[in-house]
Amino acid sequence: MDRSDVTLGRIRTFVRVAERGNLSAVARELNIGQSSVTRHVRELEEALGVALLSRTTRRVMLTEEGSLYYANAIQILRLLEQATDEARSARNVSAGTVRVSCTAALGVRHVSRLIFAFQDRHPDIAVDLSLTDERVDLIREGMDIALRLGPLTDSSMKLRAIGQSRRVLVASPAYLAGHGRPATPEELKDHEGVRMSNIAGSESLVLERAGGARHLVPFSGHLRVDHGLAAREAFAAGRGFGPAHIWLVDDFLADGRLEAILPDYTPSAVPLNMLIAPERTSITRVRLLVEFLAEAMLGIPGIERSRAGS
């Protein structure tokens, strides 16, 4: 093996192919031709003397040797990036890229504007904002920060609690005019619900009343969606009622396109947390964005600081 052929450029290309599983996607990401991506990987394999990837017509997968090499390569690249960032930090330089994953609807409606404000303060910091409702693996996807609603299972990540996202039951005036306004939770079973298909347990509603009383109500309807923005439009179009994060519908509630129903009975608030890749916490630009978002997100409608603190 000629060690000079094991270049950082070829390693970076291999790592992204391993993570994306698609040559054309990596080519678009790196703004190079797919043939260049293929050549980088082939030259790295020739230099190492082993096959790193198994190629099929649909997907590129790691071989056993490739999996071992990937695990070491990703650590090498992260250590190199961290060393570069720490050198910049010593000169108080915060330039570079921060990669953020965020729930899609929350990102579109509010977080994107917070990112704009952050970049106005720190024009040398680039931000890659990835909007998805899937629980991405921060390390595998190369993310620095993830903003997540709901329970967490990422015990290896550094957690920064933001607060609680309050929810309300909403319906449009047109829907209420045609179907009547429910006066009790029990009456909801006769109404048309707009359900989220990607949320476990969406076939029932748990409503809480001041004082601690809880009501379990069947929740069904003829429309299910897998995106918060689609649910928002369905509510406004009179397709049914349902629970909604206040930040999702605050403008529609303000201008009358939606109304809160059964205001004394509310769906449980949902935890909002920030996850940070542990080895990225000391990077100046990551730390700056973490601190900015931790405070700025408390200004989003319906987001309240957790009583236990952050």
C-alpha atoms as a PDB file:
ATOM      1  CA  MET A   1       0.000   0.000   0.000  1.00  0.00           C
ATOM      2  CA  ASP A   2       1.269   3.458  -0.915  1.00  0.00           C
ATOM      3  CA  ARG A   3       0.252   5.581   2.082  1.00  0.00           C
ATOM      4  CA  SER A   4       0.406   8.729  -0.035  1.00  0.00           C
ATOM      5  CA  ASP A   5      -2.655   7.487  -1.932  1.00  0.00           C
ATOM      6  CA  VAL A   6      -4.719   7.436   1.276  1.00  0.00           C
ATOM      7  CA  THR A   7      -5.663  11.102   1.065  1.00  0.00           C
ATOM      8  CA  LEU A   8      -8.077  13.049   3.220  1.00  0.00           C
ATOM      9  CA  GLY A   9     -10.096  13.915   0.126  1.00  0.00           C
ATOM     10  CA  ARG A  10     -10.622  10.251  -0.734  1.00  0.00           C
ATOM     11  CA  ILE A  11     -11.419   9.387   2.882  1.00  0.00           C
ATOM     12  CA  ARG A  12     -14.001  12.184   3.077  1.00  0.00           C
ATOM     13  CA  THR A  13     -15.665  10.988  -0.126  1.00  0.00           C
ATOM     14  CA  PHE A  14     -15.764   7.394   1.123  1.00  0.00           C
ATOM     15  CA  VAL A  15     -17.279   8.479   4.463  1.00  0.00           C
ATOM     16  CA  ARG A  16     -20.065  10.416   2.784  1.00  0.00           C
ATOM     17  CA  VAL A  17     -20.823   7.514   0.420  1.00  0.00           C
ATOM     18  CA  ALA A  18     -20.940   5.171   3.416  1.00  0.00           C
ATOM     19  CA  GLU A  19     -23.345   7.525   5.199  1.00  0.00           C
ATOM     20  CA  ARG A  20     -25.581   8.357   2.253  1.00  0.00           C
ATOM     21  CA  GLY A  21     -25.507   4.970   0.551  1.00  0.00           C
ATOM     22  CA  ASN A  22     -25.857   6.674  -2.821  1.00  0.00           C
ATOM     23  CA  LEU A  23     -23.134   7.814  -5.201  1.00  0.00           C
ATOM     24  CA  SER A  24     -25.223  10.393  -7.050  1.00  0.00           C
ATOM     25  CA  ALA A  25     -26.397  11.987  -3.796  1.00  0.00           C
ATOM     26  CA  VAL A  26     -22.798  12.419  -2.663  1.00  0.00           C
ATOM     27  CA  ALA A  27     -21.831  13.831  -6.055  1.00  0.00           C
ATOM     28  CA  ARG A  28     -24.556  16.477  -5.739  1.00  0.00           C
ATOM     29  CA  GLU A  29     -23.540  17.215  -2.149  1.00  0.00           C
ATOM     30  CA  LEU A  30     -19.867  17.660  -3.055  1.00  0.00           C
ATOM     31  CA  ASN A  31     -20.678  19.399  -6.348  1.00  0.00           C
ATOM     32  CA  ILE A  32     -18.552  16.987  -8.382  1.00  0.00           C
ATOM     33  CA  GLY A  33     -19.358  14.392 -11.024  1.00  0.00           C
ATOM     34  CA  GLN A  34     -20.494  10.922 -10.013  1.00  0.00           C
ATOM     35  CA  SER A  35     -17.515   9.504 -11.905  1.00  0.00           C
ATOM     36  CA  SER A  36     -15.223  11.493  -9.594  1.00  0.00           C
ATOM     37  CA  VAL A  37     -16.929  10.035  -6.541  1.00  0.00           C
ATOM     38  CA  THR A  38     -16.535   6.517  -7.944  1.00  0.00           C
ATOM     39  CA  ARG A  39     -12.872   7.183  -8.771  1.00  0.00           C
ATOM     40  CA  HIS A  40     -12.096   8.521  -5.266  1.00  0.00           C
ATOM     41  CA  VAL A  41     -13.527   5.398  -3.654  1.00  0.00           C
ATOM     42  CA  ARG A  42     -11.839   3.047  -6.132  1.00  0.00           C
ATOM     43  CA  GLU A  43      -8.453   4.699  -5.609  1.00  0.00           C
ATOM     44  CA  LEU A  44      -8.841   4.459  -1.838  1.00  0.00           C
ATOM     45  CA  GLU A  45      -9.758   0.779  -2.104  1.00  0.00           C
ATOM     46  CA  GLU A  46      -6.737   0.155  -4.348  1.00  0.00           C
ATOM     47  CA  ALA A  47      -4.466   1.953  -1.891  1.00  0.00           C
ATOM     48  CA  LEU A  48      -5.793  -0.114   1.019  1.00  0.00           C
ATOM     49  CA  GLY A  49      -5.970  -3.378  -0.901  1.00  0.00           C
ATOM     50  CA  VAL A  50      -9.504  -4.193   0.286  1.00  0.00           C
ATOM     51  CA  ALA A  51     -13.040  -3.642  -0.985  1.00  0.00           C
ATOM     52  CA  LEU A  52     -14.781  -1.066   1.213  1.00  0.00           C
ATOM     53  CA  LEU A  53     -18.135  -0.967  -0.540  1.00  0.00           C
ATOM     54  CA  SER A  54     -20.523  -3.474  -2.066  1.00  0.00           C
ATOM     55  CA  ARG A  55     -22.438  -1.984  -4.977  1.00  0.00           C
ATOM     56  CA  THR A  56     -25.885  -3.113  -6.105  1.00  0.00           C
ATOM     57  CA  THR A  57     -28.243  -1.574  -8.654  1.00  0.00           C
ATOM     58  CA  ARG A  58     -30.143   0.194  -5.861  1.00  0.00           C
ATOM     59  CA  ARG A  59     -27.717   0.907  -3.065  1.00  0.00           C
ATOM     60  CA  VAL A  60     -24.112   1.064  -2.004  1.00  0.00           C
ATOM     61  CA  MET A  61     -23.370  -0.840   1.217  1.00  0.00           C
ATOM     62  CA  LEU A  62     -20.326  -1.259   3.420  1.00  0.00           C
ATOM     63  CA  THR A  63     -18.370  -4.494   3.368  1.00  0.00           C
ATOM     64  CA  GLU A  64     -17.137  -5.904   6.692  1.00  0.00           C
ATOM     65  CA  GLU A  65     -13.757  -4.265   6.055  1.00  0.00           C
ATOM     66  CA  GLY A  66     -15.520  -1.072   5.012  1.00  0.00           C
ATOM     67  CA  SER A  67     -17.474  -0.923   8.267  1.00  0.00           C
ATOM     68  CA  LEU A  68     -14.269  -1.180  10.286  1.00  0.00           C
ATOM     69  CA  TYR A  69     -12.534   1.421   8.153  1.00  0.00           C
ATOM     70  CA  TYR A  70     -15.533   3.778   8.316  1.00  0.00           C
ATOM     71  CA  ALA A  71     -15.608   3.669  12.129  1.00  0.00           C
ATOM     72  CA  ASN A  72     -11.964   4.723  12.280  1.00  0.00           C
ATOM     73  CA  ALA A  73     -12.179   7.181   9.394  1.00  0.00           C
ATOM     74  CA  ILE A  74     -15.062   9.130  10.907  1.00  0.00           C
ATOM     75  CA  GLN A  75     -13.123   9.541  14.133  1.00  0.00           C
ATOM     76  CA  ILE A  76     -10.032  10.720  12.245  1.00  0.00           C
ATOM     77  CA  LEU A  77     -12.022  13.310  10.301  1.00  0.00           C
ATOM     78  CA  ARG A  78     -13.788  14.561  13.419  1.00  0.00           C
ATOM     79  CA  LEU A  79     -10.512  14.842  15.320  1.00  0.00           C
ATOM     80  CA  LEU A  80      -9.006  16.769  12.431  1.00  0.00           C
ATOM     81  CA  GLU A  81     -11.987  19.116  12.270  1.00  0.00           C
ATOM     82  CA  GLN A  82     -11.950  19.558  16.039  1.00  0.00           C
ATOM     83  CA  ALA A  83      -8.225  20.354  16.011  1.00  0.00           C
ATOM     84  CA  THR A  84      -8.837  22.958  13.303  1.00  0.00           C
ATOM     85  CA  ASP A  85     -11.752  24.453  15.208  1.00  0.00           C
ATOM     86  CA  GLU A  86      -9.814  24.593  18.470  1.00  0.00           C
ATOM     87  CA  ALA A  87      -6.958  26.364  16.708  1.00  0.00           C
ATOM     88  CA  ARG A  88      -9.440  28.910  15.366  1.00  0.00           C
ATOM     89  CA  SER A  89     -11.047  29.228  18.785  1.00  0.00           C
ATOM     90  CA  ALA A  90      -7.691  30.170  20.277  1.00  0.00           C
ATOM     91  CA  ARG A  91      -7.780  33.196  17.979  1.00  0.00           C
ATOM     92  CA  ASN A  92     -11.465  33.712  18.811  1.00  0.00           C
ATOM     93  CA  VAL A  93     -12.413  32.811  15.241  1.00  0.00           C
ATOM     94  CA  SER A  94     -15.893  31.292  14.957  1.00  0.00           C
ATOM     95  CA  ALA A  95     -16.020  30.693  11.205  1.00  0.00           C
ATOM     96  CA  GLY A  96     -17.137  27.336   9.845  1.00  0.00           C
ATOM     97  CA  THR A  97     -20.290  25.263   9.444  1.00  0.00           C
ATOM     98  CA  VAL A  98     -22.804  24.043  12.040  1.00  0.00           C
ATOM     99  CA  ARG A  99     -25.123  21.219  10.976  1.00  0.00           C
ATOM    100  CA  VAL A 100     -28.580  21.259  12.550  1.00  0.00           C
ATOM    101  CA  SER A 101     -31.427  18.739  12.335  1.00  0.00           C
ATOM    102  CA  CYS A 102     -34.915  19.904  13.271  1.00  0.00           C
ATOM    103  CA  THR A 103     -38.526  18.736  13.178  1.00  0.00           C
ATOM    104  CA  ALA A 104     -39.802  19.862   9.760  1.00  0.00           C
ATOM    105  CA  ALA A 105     -42.850  21.949  10.700  1.00  0.00           C
ATOM    106  CA  LEU A 106     -41.095  23.656  13.604  1.00  0.00           C
ATOM    107  CA  GLY A 107     -38.142  24.410  11.356  1.00  0.00           C
ATOM    108  CA  VAL A 108     -40.256  25.906   8.585  1.00  0.00           C
ATOM    109  CA  ARG A 109     -42.492  27.972  10.863  1.00  0.00           C
ATOM    110  CA  HIS A 110     -39.975  29.287  13.391  1.00  0.00           C
ATOM    111  CA  VAL A 111     -36.464  27.861  13.636  1.00  0.00           C
ATOM    112  CA  SER A 112     -35.432  28.978  10.150  1.00  0.00           C
ATOM    113  CA  ARG A 113     -36.052  32.607  11.148  1.00  0.00           C
ATOM    114  CA  LEU A 114     -34.023  32.115  14.309  1.00  0.00           C
ATOM    115  CA  ILE A 115     -31.172  30.796  12.176  1.00  0.00           C
ATOM    116  CA  PHE A 116     -31.376  33.932  10.029  1.00  0.00           C
ATOM    117  CA  ALA A 117     -31.110  36.092  13.150  1.00  0.00           C
ATOM    118  CA  PHE A 118     -28.152  34.070  14.406  1.00  0.00           C
ATOM    119  CA  GLN A 119     -26.311  34.479  11.120  1.00  0.00           C
ATOM    120  CA  ASP A 120     -26.956  38.216  11.191  1.00  0.00           C
ATOM    121  CA  ARG A 121     -24.992  38.235  14.454  1.00  0.00           C
ATOM    122  CA  HIS A 122     -22.340  35.797  13.214  1.00  0.00           C
ATOM    123  CA  PRO A 123     -22.028  36.262   9.444  1.00  0.00           C
ATOM    124  CA  ASP A 124     -18.961  33.992   9.201  1.00  0.00           C
ATOM    125  CA  ILE A 125     -20.832  30.938  10.505  1.00  0.00           C
ATOM    126  CA  ALA A 126     -22.542  28.783   7.900  1.00  0.00           C
ATOM    127  CA  VAL A 127     -25.527  26.672   8.953  1.00  0.00           C
ATOM    128  CA  ASP A 128     -26.768  23.511   7.261  1.00  0.00           C
ATOM    129  CA  LEU A 129     -30.398  23.143   8.409  1.00  0.00           C
ATOM    130  CA  SER A 130     -31.890  19.704   7.742  1.00  0.00           C
ATOM    131  CA  LEU A 131     -35.658  19.473   8.230  1.00  0.00           C
ATOM    132  CA  THR A 132     -37.015  16.003   8.879  1.00  0.00           C
ATOM    133  CA  ASP A 133     -39.431  14.262  11.230  1.00  0.00           C
ATOM    134  CA  GLU A 134     -37.187  11.190  11.293  1.00  0.00           C
ATOM    135  CA  ARG A 135     -34.959  10.631  14.321  1.00  0.00           C
ATOM    136  CA  VAL A 136     -31.580  10.963  12.653  1.00  0.00           C
ATOM    137  CA  ASP A 137     -28.373   9.515  14.057  1.00  0.00           C
ATOM    138  CA  LEU A 138     -26.304  12.644  14.724  1.00  0.00           C
ATOM    139  CA  ILE A 139     -22.959  10.914  14.418  1.00  0.00           C
ATOM    140  CA  ARG A 140     -23.824   8.914  11.300  1.00  0.00           C
ATOM    141  CA  GLU A 141     -25.408  11.898   9.551  1.00  0.00           C
ATOM    142  CA  GLY A 142     -22.628  14.268  10.575  1.00  0.00           C
ATOM    143  CA  MET A 143     -24.956  16.558  12.553  1.00  0.00           C
ATOM    144  CA  ASP A 144     -23.813  18.827  15.371  1.00  0.00           C
ATOM    145  CA  ILE A 145     -27.220  19.669  16.877  1.00  0.00           C
ATOM    146  CA  ALA A 146     -30.698  18.131  16.754  1.00  0.00           C
ATOM    147  CA  LEU A 147     -33.888  19.854  17.945  1.00  0.00           C
ATOM    148  CA  ARG A 148     -36.401  17.184  18.932  1.00  0.00           C
ATOM    149  CA  LEU A 149     -39.946  17.052  20.215  1.00  0.00           C
ATOM    150  CA  GLY A 150     -41.028  14.117  22.346  1.00  0.00           C
ATOM    151  CA  PRO A 151     -39.304  11.354  24.327  1.00  0.00           C
ATOM    152  CA  LEU A 152     -35.613  10.735  23.742  1.00  0.00           C
ATOM    153  CA  THR A 153     -33.588   7.560  23.413  1.00  0.00           C
ATOM    154  CA  ASP A 154     -30.209   9.095  22.479  1.00  0.00           C
ATOM    155  CA  SER A 155     -28.513   8.509  25.835  1.00  0.00           C
ATOM    156  CA  SER A 156     -25.050   8.989  24.321  1.00  0.00           C
ATOM    157  CA  MET A 157     -25.769  12.556  23.221  1.00  0.00           C
ATOM    158  CA  LYS A 158     -25.354  15.667  25.361  1.00  0.00           C
ATOM    159  CA  LEU A 159     -28.823  16.922  26.293  1.00  0.00           C
ATOM    160  CA  ARG A 160     -29.900  20.534  26.632  1.00  0.00           C
ATOM    161  CA  ALA A 161     -33.535  20.819  27.726  1.00  0.00           C
ATOM    162  CA  ILE A 162     -35.306  23.756  26.067  1.00  0.00           C
ATOM    163  CA  GLY A 163     -38.782  23.511  27.565  1.00  0.00           C
ATOM    164  CA  GLN A 164     -42.281  22.235  26.960  1.00  0.00           C
ATOM    165  CA  SER A 165     -44.387  22.771  23.835  1.00  0.00           C
ATOM    166  CA  ARG A 166     -48.011  23.429  24.812  1.00  0.00           C
ATOM    167  CA  ARG A 167     -50.826  22.106  22.646  1.00  0.00           C
ATOM    168  CA  VAL A 168     -54.495  22.952  22.144  1.00  0.00           C
ATOM    169  CA  LEU A 169     -57.477  21.390  20.409  1.00  0.00           C
ATOM    170  CA  VAL A 170     -58.384  23.357  17.281  1.00  0.00           C
ATOM    171  CA  ALA A 171     -61.033  23.424  14.561  1.00  0.00           C
ATOM    172  CA  SER A 172     -62.090  25.917  11.908  1.00  0.00           C
ATOM    173  CA  PRO A 173     -65.212  28.084  12.273  1.00  0.00           C
ATOM    174  CA  ALA A 174     -66.645  26.357   9.184  1.00  0.00           C
ATOM    175  CA  TYR A 175     -66.169  22.912  10.715  1.00  0.00           C
ATOM    176  CA  LEU A 176     -67.777  23.990  13.997  1.00  0.00           C
ATOM    177  CA  ALA A 177     -70.694  25.597  12.153  1.00  0.00           C
ATOM    178  CA  GLY A 178     -71.371  22.359  10.308  1.00  0.00           C
ATOM    179  CA  HIS A 179     -70.710  19.842  13.079  1.00  0.00           C
ATOM    180  CA  GLY A 180     -71.457  21.731  16.275  1.00  0.00           C
ATOM    181  CA  ARG A 181     -69.140  22.852  19.048  1.00  0.00           C
ATOM    182  CA  PRO A 182     -68.298  20.106  21.566  1.00  0.00           C
ATOM    183  CA  ALA A 183     -68.990  21.038  25.181  1.00  0.00           C
ATOM    184  CA  THR A 184     -67.375  18.027  26.871  1.00  0.00           C
ATOM    185  CA  PRO A 185     -64.531  15.639  26.010  1.00  0.00           C
ATOM    186  CA  GLU A 186     -67.034  12.808  25.635  1.00  0.00           C
ATOM    187  CA  GLU A 187     -68.704  14.618  22.724  1.00  0.00           C
ATOM    188  CA  LEU A 188     -65.474  14.485  20.715  1.00  0.00           C
ATOM    189  CA  LYS A 189     -66.062  10.847  19.815  1.00  0.00           C
ATOM    190  CA  ASP A 190     -68.816  11.991  17.447  1.00  0.00           C
ATOM    191  CA  HIS A 191     -66.525  14.450  15.648  1.00  0.00           C
ATOM    192  CA  GLU A 192     -64.169  14.056  12.698  1.00  0.00           C
ATOM    193  CA  GLY A 193     -60.514  14.049  13.732  1.00  0.00           C
ATOM    194  CA  VAL A 194     -57.399  14.801  11.689  1.00  0.00           C
ATOM    195  CA  ARG A 195     -54.829  12.267  12.879  1.00  0.00           C
ATOM    196  CA  MET A 196     -51.046  12.108  12.588  1.00  0.00           C
ATOM    197  CA  SER A 197     -50.083   8.738  11.107  1.00  0.00           C
ATOM    198  CA  ASN A 198     -46.480   8.928  12.308  1.00  0.00           C
ATOM    199  CA  ILE A 199     -47.320   9.354  15.996  1.00  0.00           C
ATOM    200  CA  ALA A 200     -47.859   6.249  18.111  1.00  0.00           C
ATOM    201  CA  GLY A 201     -51.133   6.171  20.000  1.00  0.00           C
ATOM    202  CA  SER A 202     -52.875   8.714  17.773  1.00  0.00           C
ATOM    203  CA  GLU A 203     -56.093   6.686  17.870  1.00  0.00           C
ATOM    204  CA  SER A 204     -56.932   8.279  21.227  1.00  0.00           C
ATOM    205  CA  LEU A 205     -56.606  11.663  22.914  1.00  0.00           C
ATOM    206  CA  VAL A 206     -55.424  12.201  26.484  1.00  0.00           C
ATOM    207  CA  LEU A 207     -56.822  15.499  27.751  1.00  0.00           C
ATOM    208  CA  GLU A 208     -55.863  17.126  31.028  1.00  0.00           C
ATOM    209  CA  ARG A 209     -57.982  19.496  33.051  1.00  0.00           C
ATOM    210  CA  ALA A 210     -56.707  22.005  35.590  1.00  0.00           C
ATOM    211  CA  GLY A 211     -56.502  20.144  38.873  1.00  0.00           C
ATOM    212  CA  GLY A 212     -55.132  16.968  37.355  1.00  0.00           C
ATOM    213  CA  ALA A 213     -58.191  15.142  35.996  1.00  0.00           C
ATOM    214  CA  ARG A 214     -57.426  13.191  32.832  1.00  0.00           C
ATOM    215  CA  HIS A 215     -59.816  12.114  30.086  1.00  0.00           C
ATOM    216  CA  LEU A 216     -59.082   9.411  27.501  1.00  0.00           C
ATOM    217  CA  VAL A 217     -61.135  10.038  24.364  1.00  0.00           C
ATOM    218  CA  PRO A 218     -61.318   7.898  21.180  1.00  0.00           C
ATOM    219  CA  PHE A 219     -59.923   9.833  18.228  1.00  0.00           C
ATOM    220  CA  SER A 220     -60.754   8.841  14.662  1.00  0.00           C
ATOM    221  CA  GLY A 221     -61.480  10.345  11.279  1.00  0.00           C
ATOM    222  CA  HIS A 222     -61.193   9.938   7.541  1.00  0.00           C
ATOM    223  CA  LEU A 223     -57.918  11.840   7.133  1.00  0.00           C
ATOM    224  CA  ARG A 224     -54.460  10.933   8.392  1.00  0.00           C
ATOM    225  CA  VAL A 225     -51.323  12.897   7.558  1.00  0.00           C
ATOM    226  CA  ASP A 226     -47.660  12.468   8.414  1.00  0.00           C
ATOM    227  CA  HIS A 227     -46.604  16.115   8.490  1.00  0.00           C
ATOM    228  CA  GLY A 228     -47.553  18.927  10.842  1.00  0.00           C
ATOM    229  CA  LEU A 229     -47.927  21.465   8.046  1.00  0.00           C
ATOM    230  CA  ALA A 230     -50.431  19.184   6.304  1.00  0.00           C
ATOM    231  CA  ALA A 231     -52.430  18.875   9.542  1.00  0.00           C
ATOM    232  CA  ARG A 232     -52.410  22.666   9.882  1.00  0.00           C
ATOM    233  CA  GLU A 233     -53.884  23.064   6.401  1.00  0.00           C
ATOM    234  CA  ALA A 234     -56.437  20.321   7.028  1.00  0.00           C
ATOM    235  CA  PHE A 235     -57.672  22.055  10.184  1.00  0.00           C
ATOM    236  CA  ALA A 236     -57.986  25.369   8.354  1.00  0.00           C
ATOM    237  CA  ALA A 237     -59.838  23.688   5.463  1.00  0.00           C
ATOM    238  CA  GLY A 238     -62.488  22.355   7.852  1.00  0.00           C
ATOM    239  CA  ARG A 239     -61.529  18.691   7.495  1.00  0.00           C
ATOM    240  CA  GLY A 240     -61.824  18.065  11.216  1.00  0.00           C
ATOM    241  CA  PHE A 241     -60.491  18.925  14.654  1.00  0.00           C
ATOM    242  CA  GLY A 242     -57.328  17.813  16.403  1.00  0.00           C
ATOM    243  CA  PRO A 243     -54.507  18.635  18.802  1.00  0.00           C
ATOM    244  CA  ALA A 244     -51.935  21.131  17.576  1.00  0.00           C
ATOM    245  CA  HIS A 245     -48.793  22.688  18.960  1.00  0.00           C
ATOM    246  CA  ILE A 246     -49.467  26.372  19.553  1.00  0.00           C
ATOM    247  CA  TRP A 247     -46.412  27.298  17.470  1.00  0.00           C
ATOM    248  CA  LEU A 248     -47.953  25.405  14.541  1.00  0.00           C
ATOM    249  CA  VAL A 249     -51.238  27.346  14.457  1.00  0.00           C
ATOM    250  CA  ASP A 250     -50.625  30.602  16.361  1.00  0.00           C
ATOM    251  CA  ASP A 251     -51.174  32.773  13.286  1.00  0.00           C
ATOM    252  CA  PHE A 252     -54.381  30.933  12.306  1.00  0.00           C
ATOM    253  CA  LEU A 253     -55.718  31.315  15.849  1.00  0.00           C
ATOM    254  CA  ALA A 254     -54.877  35.030  15.779  1.00  0.00           C
ATOM    255  CA  ASP A 255     -56.634  35.769  12.485  1.00  0.00           C
ATOM    256  CA  GLY A 256     -59.675  33.561  13.151  1.00  0.00           C
ATOM    257  CA  ARG A 257     -59.014  30.815  10.638  1.00  0.00           C
ATOM    258  CA  LEU A 258     -58.922  28.414  13.580  1.00  0.00           C
ATOM    259  CA  GLU A 259     -60.508  28.420  17.029  1.00  0.00           C
ATOM    260  CA  ALA A 260     -59.502  26.671  20.221  1.00  0.00           C
ATOM    261  CA  ILE A 261     -62.146  24.214  21.414  1.00  0.00           C
ATOM    262  CA  LEU A 262     -62.616  22.829  24.922  1.00  0.00           C
ATOM    263  CA  PRO A 263     -60.036  25.303  26.294  1.00  0.00           C
ATOM    264  CA  ASP A 264     -60.372  23.824  29.790  1.00  0.00           C
ATOM    265  CA  TYR A 265     -59.145  20.450  28.492  1.00  0.00           C
ATOM    266  CA  THR A 266     -55.685  20.409  26.966  1.00  0.00           C
ATOM    267  CA  PRO A 267     -53.490  17.715  25.396  1.00  0.00           C
ATOM    268  CA  SER A 268     -50.292  17.064  27.331  1.00  0.00           C
ATOM    269  CA  ALA A 269     -47.363  19.368  26.600  1.00  0.00           C
ATOM    270  CA  VAL A 270     -44.488  17.804  24.657  1.00  0.00           C
ATOM    271  CA  PRO A 271     -40.833  18.092  25.752  1.00  0.00           C
ATOM    272  CA  LEU A 272     -38.572  20.081  23.440  1.00  0.00           C
ATOM    273  CA  ASN A 273     -34.882  19.239  23.729  1.00  0.00           C
ATOM    274  CA  MET A 274     -31.616  19.953  22.013  1.00  0.00           C
ATOM    275  CA  LEU A 275     -29.146  17.143  21.454  1.00  0.00           C
ATOM    276  CA  ILE A 276     -25.494  17.945  20.801  1.00  0.00           C
ATOM    277  CA  ALA A 277     -22.851  15.540  19.504  1.00  0.00           C
ATOM    278  CA  PRO A 278     -20.551  15.208  22.562  1.00  0.00           C
ATOM    279  CA  GLU A 279     -17.296  15.894  20.746  1.00  0.00           C
ATOM    280  CA  ARG A 280     -18.747  19.103  19.256  1.00  0.00           C
ATOM    281  CA  THR A 281     -19.665  20.875  22.479  1.00  0.00           C
ATOM    282  CA  SER A 282     -16.307  22.646  22.792  1.00  0.00           C
ATOM    283  CA  ILE A 283     -16.388  24.053  19.258  1.00  0.00           C
ATOM    284  CA  THR A 284     -16.965  27.803  19.421  1.00  0.00           C
ATOM    285  CA  ARG A 285     -19.463  28.082  16.577  1.00  0.00           C
ATOM    286  CA  VAL A 286     -21.492  25.105  17.858  1.00  0.00           C
ATOM    287  CA  ARG A 287     -21.510  26.496  21.390  1.00  0.00           C
ATOM    288  CA  LEU A 288     -22.621  29.905  20.117  1.00  0.00           C
ATOM    289  CA  LEU A 289     -25.574  28.422  18.228  1.00  0.00           C
ATOM    290  CA  VAL A 290     -26.551  26.154  21.137  1.00  0.00           C
ATOM    291  CA  GLU A 291     -26.673  29.112  23.529  1.00  0.00           C
ATOM    292  CA  PHE A 292     -28.548  31.276  21.036  1.00  0.00           C
ATOM    293  CA  LEU A 293     -31.211  28.664  20.272  1.00  0.00           C
ATOM    294  CA  ALA A 294     -31.641  27.674  23.928  1.00  0.00           C
ATOM    295  CA  GLU A 295     -32.747  31.226  24.711  1.00  0.00           C
ATOM    296  CA  ALA A 296     -34.366  32.282  21.429  1.00  0.00           C
ATOM    297  CA  MET A 297     -36.637  29.242  21.195  1.00  0.00           C
ATOM    298  CA  LEU A 298     -38.361  30.279  24.413  1.00  0.00           C
ATOM    299  CA  GLY A 299     -39.799  33.147  22.366  1.00  0.00           C
ATOM    300  CA  ILE A 300     -41.633  30.750  20.036  1.00  0.00           C
ATOM    301  CA  PRO A 301     -45.390  30.752  20.757  1.00  0.00           C
ATOM    302  CA  GLY A 302     -46.351  27.962  23.149  1.00  0.00           C
ATOM    303  CA  ILE A 303     -42.788  27.050  24.171  1.00  0.00           C
ATOM    304  CA  GLU A 304     -42.332  27.399  27.930  1.00  0.00           C
ATOM    305  CA  ARG A 305     -39.277  26.783  30.034  1.00  0.00           C
ATOM    306  CA  SER A 306     -39.401  23.453  31.866  1.00  0.00           C
ATOM    307  CA  ARG A 307     -40.118  23.856  35.555  1.00  0.00           C
ATOM    308  CA  ALA A 308     -37.070  21.777  36.340  1.00  0.00           C
ATOM    309  CA  GLY A 309     -34.897  24.282  34.491  1.00  0.00           C
ATOM    310  CA  SER A 310     -32.615  23.803  31.535  1.00  0.00           C
END
